[in-house]
Amino acid sequence: MATEDPRPPQNTVALGTGFGIGLLWWLMAATCLWSAYRGYAHDRYDWGLIWGLIGLLLAAAGTAAMFGTWWHLTRVHDD
């Protein structure tokens, strides 16, 4: 009979790497969203729309990187 360890796996290198990549994606997303804001402020609606969409996609990628890392480290078991 196998014993269950109630704690999640403690792989801090993988956790740091995943969250670091996610934060880099979020930094790029913030830069794009700032550029979109500046585009809208200067009546460049095409600029604002495209950079806004790119920023949202980068934010989604950053969120997915962080959530996916957390999910994998706490839900997937190596048996």
Protein backbone atom coordinates (compact mmCIF):
# COMPACT_ATOMS: atom_id res chain seq x y z
CA MET A 1 0.00 0.00 0.00
CA ALA A 2 1.46 3.32 -1.08
CA THR A 3 1.54 6.21 1.34
CA GLU A 4 0.39 9.60 0.12
CA ASP A 5 2.45 12.70 0.83
CA PRO A 6 -0.03 15.53 1.55
CA ARG A 7 2.43 18.26 0.58
CA PRO A 8 2.80 19.40 -3.03
CA PRO A 9 6.10 18.65 -4.75
CA GLN A 10 8.86 21.05 -3.74
CA ASN A 11 10.65 21.78 -7.01
CA THR A 12 11.62 25.40 -6.49
CA VAL A 13 13.77 25.59 -9.62
CA ALA A 14 10.86 24.65 -11.87
CA LEU A 15 8.50 26.91 -9.95
CA GLY A 16 10.90 29.86 -10.19
CA THR A 17 11.52 29.27 -13.87
CA GLY A 18 7.83 29.01 -14.74
CA PHE A 19 6.87 32.06 -12.73
CA GLY A 20 9.88 34.01 -14.04
CA ILE A 21 8.85 33.32 -17.62
CA GLY A 22 5.28 34.26 -16.77
CA LEU A 23 6.43 37.54 -15.26
CA LEU A 24 8.51 38.31 -18.35
CA TRP A 25 5.42 37.74 -20.52
CA TRP A 26 3.49 40.09 -18.23
CA LEU A 27 6.23 42.72 -18.49
CA MET A 28 6.02 42.56 -22.27
CA ALA A 29 2.21 42.73 -22.04
CA ALA A 30 2.38 45.84 -19.86
CA THR A 31 4.74 47.49 -22.35
CA CYS A 32 2.36 46.72 -25.22
CA LEU A 33 -0.66 47.96 -23.29
CA TRP A 34 1.20 51.17 -22.43
CA SER A 35 2.01 51.64 -26.11
CA ALA A 36 -1.65 51.04 -26.96
CA TYR A 37 -2.70 53.65 -24.43
CA ARG A 38 -0.27 56.16 -25.93
CA GLY A 39 -1.57 55.34 -29.40
CA TYR A 40 -5.17 56.03 -28.34
CA ALA A 41 -4.08 59.23 -26.59
CA HIS A 42 -2.58 60.50 -29.87
CA ASP A 43 -5.63 59.53 -31.98
CA ARG A 44 -3.84 56.54 -33.52
CA TYR A 45 -6.67 54.06 -33.14
CA ASP A 46 -5.06 51.47 -35.42
CA TRP A 47 -1.90 51.56 -33.28
CA GLY A 48 -3.89 51.30 -30.07
CA LEU A 49 -6.03 48.43 -31.29
CA ILE A 50 -3.18 46.25 -32.52
CA TRP A 51 -0.89 46.83 -29.53
CA GLY A 52 -3.84 46.35 -27.20
CA LEU A 53 -4.63 42.97 -28.76
CA ILE A 54 -0.99 41.92 -28.63
CA GLY A 55 -0.81 43.02 -24.99
CA LEU A 56 -3.88 40.97 -24.10
CA LEU A 57 -2.44 37.89 -25.80
CA LEU A 58 0.87 38.31 -24.00
CA ALA A 59 -0.96 38.71 -20.69
CA ALA A 60 -2.86 35.49 -21.39
CA ALA A 61 0.43 33.72 -22.16
CA GLY A 62 1.97 34.95 -18.91
CA THR A 63 -1.03 33.84 -16.91
CA ALA A 64 -1.00 30.44 -18.62
CA ALA A 65 2.72 30.01 -17.91
CA MET A 66 2.30 30.72 -14.22
CA PHE A 67 -0.93 28.75 -13.80
CA GLY A 68 0.39 25.84 -15.86
CA THR A 69 3.56 25.65 -13.81
CA TRP A 70 1.62 25.69 -10.56
CA TRP A 71 -0.86 23.12 -11.87
CA HIS A 72 1.84 20.76 -13.08
CA LEU A 73 3.81 20.95 -9.85
CA THR A 74 0.80 20.40 -7.60
CA ARG A 75 -1.48 18.11 -9.64
CA VAL A 76 0.70 15.87 -11.84
CA HIS A 77 2.33 12.99 -10.01
CA ASP A 78 5.32 10.95 -11.16
CA ASP A 79 4.38 7.40 -10.26
